[in-house]
Amino acid sequence: MKSSGLKDNALLLITGALCALAAWFFWSYFKSAGFDILYIVTIVALIFENQKLRKALKATDPTHHE
């Protein structure tokens, strides 16, 4: 039981280190343009999510008119 917890902690530490390395690379490579990239990714994700929610609404509410 203890070894599983130790393994989970090690994997969590490795995952955190990899995320920190990826964040460092992102910001060091893109610098201030990173904010523009994050903004664009967020807007695109919101557009796709909005379309998905509209389809779900249309499928559950037949009286819905746009």
N, C-alpha and C. Protein backbone atom coordinates (compact mmCIF):
# COMPACT_ATOMS: atom_id res chain seq x y z
N MET A 1 0.82 -1.20 0.00
CA MET A 1 0.00 0.00 0.00
C MET A 1 0.86 1.26 0.00
N LYS A 2 1.96 1.25 0.75
CA LYS A 2 2.84 2.40 0.81
C LYS A 2 3.54 2.67 -0.52
N SER A 3 3.95 1.60 -1.20
CA SER A 3 4.68 1.78 -2.46
C SER A 3 3.80 2.44 -3.51
N SER A 4 2.51 2.18 -3.49
CA SER A 4 1.61 2.80 -4.45
C SER A 4 1.54 4.31 -4.21
N GLY A 5 1.49 4.71 -2.93
CA GLY A 5 1.48 6.13 -2.61
C GLY A 5 2.79 6.80 -3.02
N LEU A 6 3.90 6.10 -2.82
CA LEU A 6 5.19 6.63 -3.21
C LEU A 6 5.28 6.77 -4.73
N LYS A 7 4.75 5.78 -5.45
CA LYS A 7 4.74 5.83 -6.91
C LYS A 7 3.88 6.99 -7.40
N ASP A 8 2.71 7.18 -6.77
CA ASP A 8 1.83 8.28 -7.15
C ASP A 8 2.51 9.63 -6.91
N ASN A 9 3.19 9.74 -5.77
CA ASN A 9 3.89 10.99 -5.46
C ASN A 9 5.01 11.26 -6.46
N ALA A 10 5.74 10.22 -6.84
CA ALA A 10 6.82 10.39 -7.81
C ALA A 10 6.26 10.80 -9.18
N LEU A 11 5.18 10.16 -9.59
CA LEU A 11 4.57 10.52 -10.88
C LEU A 11 4.02 11.95 -10.85
N LEU A 12 3.46 12.35 -9.72
CA LEU A 12 2.95 13.71 -9.58
C LEU A 12 4.10 14.71 -9.65
N LEU A 13 5.20 14.41 -9.02
CA LEU A 13 6.37 15.28 -9.05
C LEU A 13 6.93 15.38 -10.47
N ILE A 14 7.00 14.28 -11.17
CA ILE A 14 7.49 14.28 -12.55
C ILE A 14 6.55 15.07 -13.46
N THR A 15 5.26 14.88 -13.28
CA THR A 15 4.27 15.61 -14.08
C THR A 15 4.38 17.11 -13.83
N GLY A 16 4.52 17.50 -12.58
CA GLY A 16 4.69 18.91 -12.25
C GLY A 16 5.94 19.50 -12.87
N ALA A 17 7.04 18.74 -12.82
CA ALA A 17 8.29 19.21 -13.41
C ALA A 17 8.16 19.36 -14.94
N LEU A 18 7.48 18.42 -15.58
CA LEU A 18 7.28 18.50 -17.03
C LEU A 18 6.40 19.70 -17.40
N CYS A 19 5.36 19.95 -16.60
CA CYS A 19 4.50 21.11 -16.85
C CYS A 19 5.27 22.42 -16.66
N ALA A 20 6.10 22.48 -15.64
CA ALA A 20 6.92 23.67 -15.41
C ALA A 20 7.90 23.87 -16.56
N LEU A 21 8.49 22.80 -17.05
CA LEU A 21 9.42 22.89 -18.17
C LEU A 21 8.69 23.36 -19.44
N ALA A 22 7.50 22.83 -19.67
CA ALA A 22 6.72 23.23 -20.84
C ALA A 22 6.33 24.71 -20.74
N ALA A 23 5.94 25.16 -19.55
CA ALA A 23 5.57 26.56 -19.36
C ALA A 23 6.79 27.47 -19.58
N TRP A 24 7.93 27.06 -19.02
CA TRP A 24 9.14 27.84 -19.23
C TRP A 24 9.47 27.93 -20.71
N PHE A 25 9.40 26.83 -21.44
CA PHE A 25 9.70 26.83 -22.87
C PHE A 25 8.73 27.73 -23.62
N PHE A 26 7.44 27.62 -23.31
CA PHE A 26 6.41 28.42 -23.98
C PHE A 26 6.71 29.91 -23.83
N TRP A 27 6.92 30.36 -22.58
CA TRP A 27 7.12 31.78 -22.34
C TRP A 27 8.48 32.26 -22.83
N SER A 28 9.51 31.42 -22.77
CA SER A 28 10.82 31.86 -23.25
C SER A 28 10.87 31.91 -24.77
N TYR A 29 10.12 31.05 -25.44
CA TYR A 29 10.11 31.04 -26.90
C TYR A 29 9.21 32.13 -27.47
N PHE A 30 7.98 32.25 -26.93
CA PHE A 30 7.01 33.19 -27.49
C PHE A 30 7.06 34.58 -26.85
N LYS A 31 7.63 34.70 -25.68
CA LYS A 31 7.74 35.96 -24.94
C LYS A 31 6.37 36.63 -24.82
N SER A 32 6.23 37.89 -25.16
CA SER A 32 4.95 38.58 -24.96
C SER A 32 3.89 38.13 -25.96
N ALA A 33 4.30 37.51 -27.06
CA ALA A 33 3.32 36.99 -28.02
C ALA A 33 2.55 35.80 -27.42
N GLY A 34 3.04 35.24 -26.33
CA GLY A 34 2.35 34.15 -25.66
C GLY A 34 0.96 34.54 -25.21
N PHE A 35 0.80 35.81 -24.79
CA PHE A 35 -0.52 36.28 -24.38
C PHE A 35 -1.49 36.27 -25.56
N ASP A 36 -1.01 36.69 -26.74
CA ASP A 36 -1.85 36.66 -27.94
C ASP A 36 -2.24 35.23 -28.30
N ILE A 37 -1.30 34.32 -28.18
CA ILE A 37 -1.58 32.92 -28.49
C ILE A 37 -2.62 32.35 -27.54
N LEU A 38 -2.46 32.62 -26.25
CA LEU A 38 -3.44 32.14 -25.26
C LEU A 38 -4.81 32.76 -25.50
N TYR A 39 -4.85 34.03 -25.87
CA TYR A 39 -6.11 34.70 -26.17
C TYR A 39 -6.80 34.04 -27.37
N ILE A 40 -6.07 33.79 -28.43
CA ILE A 40 -6.64 33.18 -29.63
C ILE A 40 -7.14 31.77 -29.33
N VAL A 41 -6.34 30.98 -28.60
CA VAL A 41 -6.75 29.62 -28.24
C VAL A 41 -8.03 29.65 -27.41
N THR A 42 -8.12 30.59 -26.47
CA THR A 42 -9.32 30.71 -25.64
C THR A 42 -10.54 31.07 -26.47
N ILE A 43 -10.43 32.03 -27.37
CA ILE A 43 -11.56 32.43 -28.21
C ILE A 43 -12.02 31.28 -29.10
N VAL A 44 -11.08 30.57 -29.70
CA VAL A 44 -11.44 29.42 -30.56
C VAL A 44 -12.13 28.34 -29.75
N ALA A 45 -11.62 28.06 -28.55
CA ALA A 45 -12.24 27.04 -27.70
C ALA A 45 -13.66 27.46 -27.30
N LEU A 46 -13.87 28.73 -27.01
CA LEU A 46 -15.20 29.21 -26.64
C LEU A 46 -16.17 29.13 -27.82
N ILE A 47 -15.69 29.39 -29.01
CA ILE A 47 -16.54 29.29 -30.20
C ILE A 47 -17.00 27.85 -30.41
N PHE A 48 -16.05 26.90 -30.30
CA PHE A 48 -16.42 25.49 -30.46
C PHE A 48 -17.37 25.03 -29.36
N GLU A 49 -17.13 25.47 -28.14
CA GLU A 49 -17.99 25.08 -27.03
C GLU A 49 -19.39 25.67 -27.21
N ASN A 50 -19.47 26.89 -27.71
CA ASN A 50 -20.77 27.52 -27.96
C ASN A 50 -21.55 26.74 -29.01
N GLN A 51 -20.88 26.32 -30.08
CA GLN A 51 -21.56 25.52 -31.10
C GLN A 51 -22.05 24.20 -30.54
N LYS A 52 -21.24 23.58 -29.72
CA LYS A 52 -21.62 22.31 -29.10
C LYS A 52 -22.84 22.48 -28.19
N LEU A 53 -22.86 23.55 -27.42
CA LEU A 53 -23.99 23.80 -26.53
C LEU A 53 -25.25 24.14 -27.30
N ARG A 54 -25.11 24.86 -28.42
CA ARG A 54 -26.29 25.17 -29.25
C ARG A 54 -26.91 23.90 -29.83
N LYS A 55 -26.05 22.96 -30.28
CA LYS A 55 -26.57 21.69 -30.78
C LYS A 55 -27.29 20.92 -29.69
N ALA A 56 -26.72 20.90 -28.50
CA ALA A 56 -27.34 20.19 -27.38
C ALA A 56 -28.67 20.84 -27.01
N LEU A 57 -28.72 22.16 -27.03
CA LEU A 57 -29.96 22.86 -26.72
C LEU A 57 -31.03 22.57 -27.77
N LYS A 58 -30.63 22.59 -29.01
CA LYS A 58 -31.58 22.32 -30.10
C LYS A 58 -32.11 20.88 -30.02
N ALA A 59 -31.25 19.95 -29.62
CA ALA A 59 -31.66 18.55 -29.53
C ALA A 59 -32.61 18.31 -28.35
N THR A 60 -32.48 19.08 -27.28
CA THR A 60 -33.32 18.87 -26.11
C THR A 60 -34.55 19.75 -26.07
N ASP A 61 -34.57 20.84 -26.84
CA ASP A 61 -35.71 21.77 -26.83
C ASP A 61 -36.20 21.98 -28.26
N PRO A 62 -37.19 21.22 -28.69
CA PRO A 62 -37.66 21.34 -30.08
C PRO A 62 -38.37 22.66 -30.36
N THR A 63 -38.80 23.40 -29.34
CA THR A 63 -39.49 24.67 -29.57
C THR A 63 -38.52 25.83 -29.65
N HIS A 64 -37.24 25.57 -29.51
CA HIS A 64 -36.23 26.63 -29.54
C HIS A 64 -36.05 27.14 -30.97
N HIS A 65 -36.17 28.46 -31.13
CA HIS A 65 -35.96 29.10 -32.44
C HIS A 65 -34.81 30.09 -32.32
N GLU A 66 -33.96 30.15 -33.34
CA GLU A 66 -32.83 31.09 -33.32
C GLU A 66 -33.23 32.38 -33.95
